[in-house]
PDB file of N, CA and C in Angstrom:
ATOM      1  N   MET A   1       1.336 -16.174 -11.144  1.00  0.00           N
ATOM      2  CA  MET A   1       0.025 -16.482 -10.619  1.00  0.00           C
ATOM      3  C   MET A   1      -0.887 -16.985 -11.732  1.00  0.00           C
ATOM      4  N   GLN A   2      -0.820 -16.353 -12.893  1.00  0.00           N
ATOM      5  CA  GLN A   2      -1.659 -16.782 -14.009  1.00  0.00           C
ATOM      6  C   GLN A   2      -1.285 -18.182 -14.467  1.00  0.00           C
ATOM      7  N   HIS A   3       0.011 -18.480 -14.491  1.00  0.00           N
ATOM      8  CA  HIS A   3       0.444 -19.816 -14.884  1.00  0.00           C
ATOM      9  C   HIS A   3      -0.087 -20.859 -13.896  1.00  0.00           C
ATOM     10  N   PHE A   4       0.030 -20.559 -12.631  1.00  0.00           N
ATOM     11  CA  PHE A   4      -0.456 -21.470 -11.600  1.00  0.00           C
ATOM     12  C   PHE A   4      -1.956 -21.685 -11.748  1.00  0.00           C
ATOM     13  N   GLU A   5      -2.691 -20.608 -11.937  1.00  0.00           N
ATOM     14  CA  GLU A   5      -4.141 -20.698 -12.094  1.00  0.00           C
ATOM     15  C   GLU A   5      -4.513 -21.518 -13.328  1.00  0.00           C
ATOM     16  N   SER A   6      -3.799 -21.323 -14.414  1.00  0.00           N
ATOM     17  CA  SER A   6      -4.104 -22.083 -15.632  1.00  0.00           C
ATOM     18  C   SER A   6      -3.844 -23.566 -15.434  1.00  0.00           C
ATOM     19  N   LEU A   7      -2.820 -23.919 -14.668  1.00  0.00           N
ATOM     20  CA  LEU A   7      -2.564 -25.332 -14.371  1.00  0.00           C
ATOM     21  C   LEU A   7      -3.734 -25.961 -13.625  1.00  0.00           C
ATOM     22  N   LEU A   8      -4.266 -25.238 -12.660  1.00  0.00           N
ATOM     23  CA  LEU A   8      -5.371 -25.777 -11.869  1.00  0.00           C
ATOM     24  C   LEU A   8      -6.660 -25.869 -12.682  1.00  0.00           C
ATOM     25  N   LEU A   9      -6.898 -24.892 -13.534  1.00  0.00           N
ATOM     26  CA  LEU A   9      -8.132 -24.889 -14.313  1.00  0.00           C
ATOM     27  C   LEU A   9      -8.089 -25.910 -15.441  1.00  0.00           C
ATOM     28  N   VAL A  10      -6.965 -26.001 -16.124  1.00  0.00           N
ATOM     29  CA  VAL A  10      -6.849 -26.927 -17.247  1.00  0.00           C
ATOM     30  C   VAL A  10      -6.848 -28.364 -16.754  1.00  0.00           C
ATOM     31  N   GLU A  11      -6.234 -28.586 -15.647  1.00  0.00           N
ATOM     32  CA  GLU A  11      -6.087 -29.939 -15.136  1.00  0.00           C
ATOM     33  C   GLU A  11      -6.977 -30.175 -13.916  1.00  0.00           C
ATOM     34  N   ALA A  12      -8.197 -29.694 -13.983  1.00  0.00           N
ATOM     35  CA  ALA A  12      -9.130 -29.875 -12.867  1.00  0.00           C
ATOM     36  C   ALA A  12      -9.305 -31.368 -12.590  1.00  0.00           C
ATOM     37  N   GLY A  13      -9.249 -31.716 -11.331  1.00  0.00           N
ATOM     38  CA  GLY A  13      -9.393 -33.111 -10.932  1.00  0.00           C
ATOM     39  C   GLY A  13      -8.088 -33.887 -10.918  1.00  0.00           C
ATOM     40  N   ASN A  14      -7.013 -33.280 -11.391  1.00  0.00           N
ATOM     41  CA  ASN A  14      -5.711 -33.935 -11.390  1.00  0.00           C
ATOM     42  C   ASN A  14      -5.231 -34.088  -9.950  1.00  0.00           C
ATOM     43  N   LYS A  15      -4.783 -35.279  -9.604  1.00  0.00           N
ATOM     44  CA  LYS A  15      -4.340 -35.532  -8.232  1.00  0.00           C
ATOM     45  C   LYS A  15      -3.098 -34.729  -7.863  1.00  0.00           C
ATOM     46  N   GLU A  16      -2.338 -34.294  -8.857  1.00  0.00           N
ATOM     47  CA  GLU A  16      -1.148 -33.488  -8.589  1.00  0.00           C
ATOM     48  C   GLU A  16      -1.514 -32.088  -8.113  1.00  0.00           C
ATOM     49  N   ASN A  17      -2.753 -31.660  -8.323  1.00  0.00           N
ATOM     50  CA  ASN A  17      -3.159 -30.315  -7.916  1.00  0.00           C
ATOM     51  C   ASN A  17      -3.002 -30.098  -6.415  1.00  0.00           C
ATOM     52  N   LYS A  18      -3.227 -31.138  -5.622  1.00  0.00           N
ATOM     53  CA  LYS A  18      -3.101 -30.945  -4.172  1.00  0.00           C
ATOM     54  C   LYS A  18      -1.663 -30.627  -3.788  1.00  0.00           C
ATOM     55  N   TRP A  19      -0.689 -31.174  -4.550  1.00  0.00           N
ATOM     56  CA  TRP A  19       0.712 -30.874  -4.264  1.00  0.00           C
ATOM     57  C   TRP A  19       1.043 -29.464  -4.715  1.00  0.00           C
ATOM     58  N   ARG A  20       0.458 -29.054  -5.826  1.00  0.00           N
ATOM     59  CA  ARG A  20       0.662 -27.687  -6.287  1.00  0.00           C
ATOM     60  C   ARG A  20       0.080 -26.694  -5.284  1.00  0.00           C
ATOM     61  N   LEU A  21      -1.103 -27.000  -4.776  1.00  0.00           N
ATOM     62  CA  LEU A  21      -1.727 -26.122  -3.780  1.00  0.00           C
ATOM     63  C   LEU A  21      -0.928 -26.093  -2.484  1.00  0.00           C
ATOM     64  N   PHE A  22      -0.409 -27.244  -2.091  1.00  0.00           N
ATOM     65  CA  PHE A  22       0.409 -27.357  -0.886  1.00  0.00           C
ATOM     66  C   PHE A  22       1.627 -26.440  -1.002  1.00  0.00           C
ATOM     67  N   ILE A  23       2.324 -26.516  -2.135  1.00  0.00           N
ATOM     68  CA  ILE A  23       3.511 -25.685  -2.347  1.00  0.00           C
ATOM     69  C   ILE A  23       3.123 -24.217  -2.477  1.00  0.00           C
ATOM     70  N   PHE A  24       2.061 -23.945  -3.222  1.00  0.00           N
ATOM     71  CA  PHE A  24       1.600 -22.568  -3.389  1.00  0.00           C
ATOM     72  C   PHE A  24       1.255 -21.932  -2.042  1.00  0.00           C
ATOM     73  N   ALA A  25       0.603 -22.699  -1.170  1.00  0.00           N
ATOM     74  CA  ALA A  25       0.237 -22.184   0.151  1.00  0.00           C
ATOM     75  C   ALA A  25       1.482 -21.847   0.965  1.00  0.00           C
ATOM     76  N   GLY A  26       2.480 -22.720   0.925  1.00  0.00           N
ATOM     77  CA  GLY A  26       3.713 -22.465   1.669  1.00  0.00           C
ATOM     78  C   GLY A  26       4.454 -21.241   1.166  1.00  0.00           C
ATOM     79  N   VAL A  27       4.542 -21.100  -0.136  1.00  0.00           N
ATOM     80  CA  VAL A  27       5.226 -19.949  -0.720  1.00  0.00           C
ATOM     81  C   VAL A  27       4.452 -18.668  -0.419  1.00  0.00           C
ATOM     82  N   SER A  28       3.145 -18.723  -0.579  1.00  0.00           N
ATOM     83  CA  SER A  28       2.313 -17.541  -0.304  1.00  0.00           C
ATOM     84  C   SER A  28       2.423 -17.115   1.152  1.00  0.00           C
ATOM     85  N   TRP A  29       2.395 -18.081   2.040  1.00  0.00           N
ATOM     86  CA  TRP A  29       2.490 -17.771   3.466  1.00  0.00           C
ATOM     87  C   TRP A  29       3.858 -17.176   3.799  1.00  0.00           C
ATOM     88  N   ALA A  30       4.912 -17.720   3.188  1.00  0.00           N
ATOM     89  CA  ALA A  30       6.259 -17.186   3.436  1.00  0.00           C
ATOM     90  C   ALA A  30       6.373 -15.745   2.939  1.00  0.00           C
ATOM     91  N   ILE A  31       5.822 -15.470   1.769  1.00  0.00           N
ATOM     92  CA  ILE A  31       5.857 -14.103   1.240  1.00  0.00           C
ATOM     93  C   ILE A  31       5.058 -13.171   2.141  1.00  0.00           C
ATOM     94  N   TRP A  32       3.889 -13.616   2.564  1.00  0.00           N
ATOM     95  CA  TRP A  32       3.037 -12.796   3.440  1.00  0.00           C
ATOM     96  C   TRP A  32       3.745 -12.481   4.758  1.00  0.00           C
ATOM     97  N   ARG A  33       4.327 -13.500   5.379  1.00  0.00           N
ATOM     98  CA  ARG A  33       5.008 -13.292   6.654  1.00  0.00           C
ATOM     99  C   ARG A  33       6.239 -12.397   6.497  1.00  0.00           C
ATOM    100  N   THR A  34       6.957 -12.564   5.401  1.00  0.00           N
ATOM    101  CA  THR A  34       8.126 -11.731   5.136  1.00  0.00           C
ATOM    102  C   THR A  34       7.701 -10.285   4.934  1.00  0.00           C
ATOM    103  N   ARG A  35       6.615 -10.090   4.225  1.00  0.00           N
ATOM    104  CA  ARG A  35       6.072  -8.747   4.017  1.00  0.00           C
ATOM    105  C   ARG A  35       5.668  -8.120   5.341  1.00  0.00           C
ATOM    106  N   ASN A  36       5.004  -8.899   6.198  1.00  0.00           N
ATOM    107  CA  ASN A  36       4.607  -8.384   7.511  1.00  0.00           C
ATOM    108  C   ASN A  36       5.820  -8.018   8.361  1.00  0.00           C
ATOM    109  N   ASP A  37       6.866  -8.835   8.309  1.00  0.00           N
ATOM    110  CA  ASP A  37       8.089  -8.516   9.045  1.00  0.00           C
ATOM    111  C   ASP A  37       8.669  -7.186   8.573  1.00  0.00           C
ATOM    112  N   TRP A  38       8.625  -6.966   7.262  1.00  0.00           N
ATOM    113  CA  TRP A  38       9.168  -5.732   6.696  1.00  0.00           C
ATOM    114  C   TRP A  38       8.321  -4.524   7.091  1.00  0.00           C
ATOM    115  N   VAL A  39       7.005  -4.658   6.955  1.00  0.00           N
ATOM    116  CA  VAL A  39       6.107  -3.522   7.210  1.00  0.00           C
ATOM    117  C   VAL A  39       6.011  -3.195   8.699  1.00  0.00           C
ATOM    118  N   PHE A  40       5.841  -4.215   9.530  1.00  0.00           N
ATOM    119  CA  PHE A  40       5.562  -3.970  10.937  1.00  0.00           C
ATOM    120  C   PHE A  40       6.784  -3.986  11.846  1.00  0.00           C
ATOM    121  N   SER A  41       7.858  -4.668  11.420  1.00  0.00           N
ATOM    122  CA  SER A  41       9.042  -4.768  12.277  1.00  0.00           C
ATOM    123  C   SER A  41      10.303  -4.216  11.623  1.00  0.00           C
ATOM    124  N   ASN A  42      10.162  -3.700  10.412  1.00  0.00           N
ATOM    125  CA  ASN A  42      11.280  -3.136   9.669  1.00  0.00           C
ATOM    126  C   ASN A  42      12.410  -4.147   9.478  1.00  0.00           C
ATOM    127  N   ILE A  43      12.047  -5.409   9.284  1.00  0.00           N
ATOM    128  CA  ILE A  43      13.019  -6.467   9.034  1.00  0.00           C
ATOM    129  C   ILE A  43      12.972  -6.789   7.541  1.00  0.00           C
ATOM    130  N   LEU A  44      14.065  -6.532   6.847  1.00  0.00           N
ATOM    131  CA  LEU A  44      14.143  -6.760   5.416  1.00  0.00           C
ATOM    132  C   LEU A  44      15.093  -7.928   5.152  1.00  0.00           C
ATOM    133  N   VAL A  45      14.646  -8.885   4.348  1.00  0.00           N
ATOM    134  CA  VAL A  45      15.505 -10.035   4.041  1.00  0.00           C
ATOM    135  C   VAL A  45      16.640  -9.590   3.136  1.00  0.00           C
ATOM    136  N   LYS A  46      17.772 -10.257   3.276  1.00  0.00           N
ATOM    137  CA  LYS A  46      18.947  -9.901   2.488  1.00  0.00           C
ATOM    138  C   LYS A  46      18.985 -10.645   1.159  1.00  0.00           C
ATOM    139  N   SER A  47      18.222 -11.732   1.059  1.00  0.00           N
ATOM    140  CA  SER A  47      18.246 -12.548  -0.149  1.00  0.00           C
ATOM    141  C   SER A  47      16.873 -13.188  -0.365  1.00  0.00           C
ATOM    142  N   PRO A  48      16.451 -13.319  -1.610  1.00  0.00           N
ATOM    143  CA  PRO A  48      15.187 -14.016  -1.873  1.00  0.00           C
ATOM    144  C   PRO A  48      15.234 -15.478  -1.426  1.00  0.00           C
ATOM    145  N   LYS A  49      16.444 -16.002  -1.341  1.00  0.00           N
ATOM    146  CA  LYS A  49      16.610 -17.387  -0.891  1.00  0.00           C
ATOM    147  C   LYS A  49      16.056 -17.567   0.522  1.00  0.00           C
ATOM    148  N   THR A  50      16.112 -16.513   1.310  1.00  0.00           N
ATOM    149  CA  THR A  50      15.570 -16.552   2.668  1.00  0.00           C
ATOM    150  C   THR A  50      14.074 -16.866   2.642  1.00  0.00           C
ATOM    151  N   ILE A  51      13.362 -16.269   1.711  1.00  0.00           N
ATOM    152  CA  ILE A  51      11.921 -16.517   1.585  1.00  0.00           C
ATOM    153  C   ILE A  51      11.683 -17.957   1.163  1.00  0.00           C
ATOM    154  N   ALA A  52      12.511 -18.457   0.255  1.00  0.00           N
ATOM    155  CA  ALA A  52      12.362 -19.838  -0.201  1.00  0.00           C
ATOM    156  C   ALA A  52      12.580 -20.821   0.947  1.00  0.00           C
ATOM    157  N   TYR A  53      13.591 -20.580   1.757  1.00  0.00           N
ATOM    158  CA  TYR A  53      13.834 -21.469   2.903  1.00  0.00           C
ATOM    159  C   TYR A  53      12.720 -21.339   3.950  1.00  0.00           C
ATOM    160  N   ARG A  54      12.191 -20.155   4.084  1.00  0.00           N
ATOM    161  CA  ARG A  54      11.073 -19.961   5.013  1.00  0.00           C
ATOM    162  C   ARG A  54       9.857 -20.763   4.546  1.00  0.00           C
ATOM    163  N   ALA A  55       9.593 -20.731   3.243  1.00  0.00           N
ATOM    164  CA  ALA A  55       8.487 -21.514   2.673  1.00  0.00           C
ATOM    165  C   ALA A  55       8.724 -23.003   2.916  1.00  0.00           C
ATOM    166  N   LEU A  56       9.941 -23.447   2.704  1.00  0.00           N
ATOM    167  CA  LEU A  56      10.271 -24.854   2.931  1.00  0.00           C
ATOM    168  C   LEU A  56      10.038 -25.231   4.388  1.00  0.00           C
ATOM    169  N   GLY A  57      10.371 -24.341   5.296  1.00  0.00           N
ATOM    170  CA  GLY A  57      10.132 -24.594   6.716  1.00  0.00           C
ATOM    171  C   GLY A  57       8.648 -24.745   7.036  1.00  0.00           C
ATOM    172  N   PHE A  58       7.833 -23.864   6.465  1.00  0.00           N
ATOM    173  CA  PHE A  58       6.384 -23.987   6.667  1.00  0.00           C
ATOM    174  C   PHE A  58       5.878 -25.315   6.127  1.00  0.00           C
ATOM    175  N   LEU A  59       6.334 -25.687   4.938  1.00  0.00           N
ATOM    176  CA  LEU A  59       5.875 -26.935   4.321  1.00  0.00           C
ATOM    177  C   LEU A  59       6.294 -28.149   5.139  1.00  0.00           C
ATOM    178  N   GLN A  60       7.497 -28.120   5.673  1.00  0.00           N
ATOM    179  CA  GLN A  60       7.948 -29.234   6.509  1.00  0.00           C
ATOM    180  C   GLN A  60       7.109 -29.339   7.776  1.00  0.00           C
ATOM    181  N   TYR A  61       6.753 -28.219   8.321  1.00  0.00           N
ATOM    182  CA  TYR A  61       5.909 -28.217   9.520  1.00  0.00           C
ATOM    183  C   TYR A  61       4.506 -28.716   9.190  1.00  0.00           C
ATOM    184  N   TRP A  62       3.941 -28.218   8.094  1.00  0.00           N
ATOM    185  CA  TRP A  62       2.578 -28.602   7.709  1.00  0.00           C
ATOM    186  C   TRP A  62       2.479 -30.060   7.271  1.00  0.00           C
ATOM    187  N   LYS A  63       3.589 -30.617   6.819  1.00  0.00           N
ATOM    188  CA  LYS A  63       3.601 -32.020   6.381  1.00  0.00           C
ATOM    189  C   LYS A  63       3.079 -32.934   7.484  1.00  0.00           C
ATOM    190  N   GLN A  64       3.373 -32.590   8.712  1.00  0.00           N
ATOM    191  CA  GLN A  64       2.965 -33.406   9.851  1.00  0.00           C
ATOM    192  C   GLN A  64       1.444 -33.487   9.994  1.00  0.00           C
ATOM    193  N   LEU A  65       0.743 -32.544   9.396  1.00  0.00           N
ATOM    194  CA  LEU A  65      -0.711 -32.512   9.502  1.00  0.00           C
ATOM    195  C   LEU A  65      -1.398 -33.444   8.515  1.00  0.00           C
ATOM    196  N   GLY A  66      -0.645 -33.945   7.542  1.00  0.00           N
ATOM    197  CA  GLY A  66      -1.221 -34.822   6.522  1.00  0.00           C
ATOM    198  C   GLY A  66      -1.383 -36.240   7.025  1.00  0.00           C
ATOM    199  N   ARG A  67      -2.135 -37.003   6.249  1.00  0.00           N
ATOM    200  CA  ARG A  67      -2.284 -38.425   6.573  1.00  0.00           C
ATOM    201  C   ARG A  67      -0.948 -39.125   6.383  1.00  0.00           C
ATOM    202  N   SER A  68      -0.739 -40.199   7.116  1.00  0.00           N
ATOM    203  CA  SER A  68       0.570 -40.858   7.115  1.00  0.00           C
ATOM    204  C   SER A  68       0.987 -41.316   5.718  1.00  0.00           C
ATOM    205  N   GLU A  69       0.041 -41.784   4.906  1.00  0.00           N
ATOM    206  CA  GLU A  69       0.408 -42.231   3.556  1.00  0.00           C
ATOM    207  C   GLU A  69       0.800 -41.043   2.659  1.00  0.00           C
ATOM    208  N   GLU A  70       0.275 -39.873   2.946  1.00  0.00           N
ATOM    209  CA  GLU A  70       0.633 -38.686   2.169  1.00  0.00           C
ATOM    210  C   GLU A  70       1.956 -38.084   2.635  1.00  0.00           C
ATOM    211  N   GLN A  71       2.320 -38.343   3.875  1.00  0.00           N
ATOM    212  CA  GLN A  71       3.551 -37.767   4.405  1.00  0.00           C
ATOM    213  C   GLN A  71       4.779 -38.265   3.650  1.00  0.00           C
ATOM    214  N   LEU A  72       4.755 -39.506   3.165  1.00  0.00           N
ATOM    215  CA  LEU A  72       5.881 -40.029   2.391  1.00  0.00           C
ATOM    216  C   LEU A  72       6.045 -39.242   1.095  1.00  0.00           C
ATOM    217  N   LYS A  73       4.939 -38.987   0.417  1.00  0.00           N
ATOM    218  CA  LYS A  73       4.988 -38.201  -0.823  1.00  0.00           C
ATOM    219  C   LYS A  73       5.438 -36.772  -0.518  1.00  0.00           C
ATOM    220  N   MET A  74       4.922 -36.215   0.568  1.00  0.00           N
ATOM    221  CA  MET A  74       5.310 -34.860   0.940  1.00  0.00           C
ATOM    222  C   MET A  74       6.802 -34.789   1.245  1.00  0.00           C
ATOM    223  N   THR A  75       7.321 -35.803   1.897  1.00  0.00           N
ATOM    224  CA  THR A  75       8.750 -35.844   2.209  1.00  0.00           C
ATOM    225  C   THR A  75       9.561 -35.836   0.924  1.00  0.00           C
ATOM    226  N   TRP A  76       9.131 -36.630  -0.059  1.00  0.00           N
ATOM    227  CA  TRP A  76       9.822 -36.683  -1.347  1.00  0.00           C
ATOM    228  C   TRP A  76       9.782 -35.320  -2.039  1.00  0.00           C
ATOM    229  N   VAL A  77       8.610 -34.689  -2.059  1.00  0.00           N
ATOM    230  CA  VAL A  77       8.455 -33.373  -2.690  1.00  0.00           C
ATOM    231  C   VAL A  77       9.363 -32.350  -2.007  1.00  0.00           C
ATOM    232  N   LEU A  78       9.372 -32.356  -0.688  1.00  0.00           N
ATOM    233  CA  LEU A  78      10.187 -31.387   0.058  1.00  0.00           C
ATOM    234  C   LEU A  78      11.682 -31.627  -0.148  1.00  0.00           C
ATOM    235  N   GLU A  79      12.083 -32.883  -0.258  1.00  0.00           N
ATOM    236  CA  GLU A  79      13.489 -33.180  -0.527  1.00  0.00           C
ATOM    237  C   GLU A  79      13.901 -32.629  -1.889  1.00  0.00           C
ATOM    238  N   LYS A  80      13.030 -32.772  -2.887  1.00  0.00           N
ATOM    239  CA  LYS A  80      13.320 -32.241  -4.226  1.00  0.00           C
ATOM    240  C   LYS A  80      13.409 -30.719  -4.201  1.00  0.00           C
ATOM    241  N   LEU A  81      12.517 -30.091  -3.471  1.00  0.00           N
ATOM    242  CA  LEU A  81      12.568 -28.629  -3.343  1.00  0.00           C
ATOM    243  C   LEU A  81      13.853 -28.185  -2.667  1.00  0.00           C
ATOM    244  N   GLN A  82      14.238 -28.897  -1.626  1.00  0.00           N
ATOM    245  CA  GLN A  82      15.460 -28.543  -0.898  1.00  0.00           C
ATOM    246  C   GLN A  82      16.697 -28.741  -1.782  1.00  0.00           C
ATOM    247  N   GLU A  83      16.710 -29.809  -2.582  1.00  0.00           N
ATOM    248  CA  GLU A  83      17.821 -30.015  -3.498  1.00  0.00           C
ATOM    249  C   GLU A  83      17.915 -28.863  -4.496  1.00  0.00           C
ATOM    250  N   GLY A  84      16.773 -28.429  -4.985  1.00  0.00           N
ATOM    251  CA  GLY A  84      16.745 -27.306  -5.910  1.00  0.00           C
ATOM    252  C   GLY A  84      17.271 -26.033  -5.278  1.00  0.00           C
ATOM    253  N   LEU A  85      16.911 -25.812  -4.015  1.00  0.00           N
ATOM    254  CA  LEU A  85      17.393 -24.624  -3.302  1.00  0.00           C
ATOM    255  C   LEU A  85      18.908 -24.677  -3.095  1.00  0.00           C
ATOM    256  N   MET A  86      19.412 -25.832  -2.763  1.00  0.00           N
ATOM    257  CA  MET A  86      20.859 -25.955  -2.545  1.00  0.00           C
ATOM    258  C   MET A  86      21.638 -25.720  -3.840  1.00  0.00           C
ATOM    259  N   ALA A  87      21.044 -26.121  -4.961  1.00  0.00           N
ATOM    260  CA  ALA A  87      21.718 -25.940  -6.255  1.00  0.00           C
ATOM    261  C   ALA A  87      21.622 -24.491  -6.742  1.00  0.00           C
ATOM    262  N   TRP A  88      20.703 -23.730  -6.197  1.00  0.00           N
ATOM    263  CA  TRP A  88      20.462 -22.356  -6.618  1.00  0.00           C
ATOM    264  C   TRP A  88      21.584 -21.487  -6.243  1.00  0.00           C
TER     265      TRP A  88
END
């Protein structure tokens, strides 16, 4: 979290920050939802990879909400994330 925060503060105004925030939001939401599943439904994930794929799913869904010119960049970012997950 501190590393992420330092990136945003040091590079204020950087256009890449919106992509960092986009990814951070997806990961945070996936962790939050996974935590809620565990606390309220007693569903525990078997692998951290499950949370990563859940985050990717949220990001793919949210991509549709962006402007059409941004969706191409989002598609590229998500493909890179998915490649990283497959290699993991």
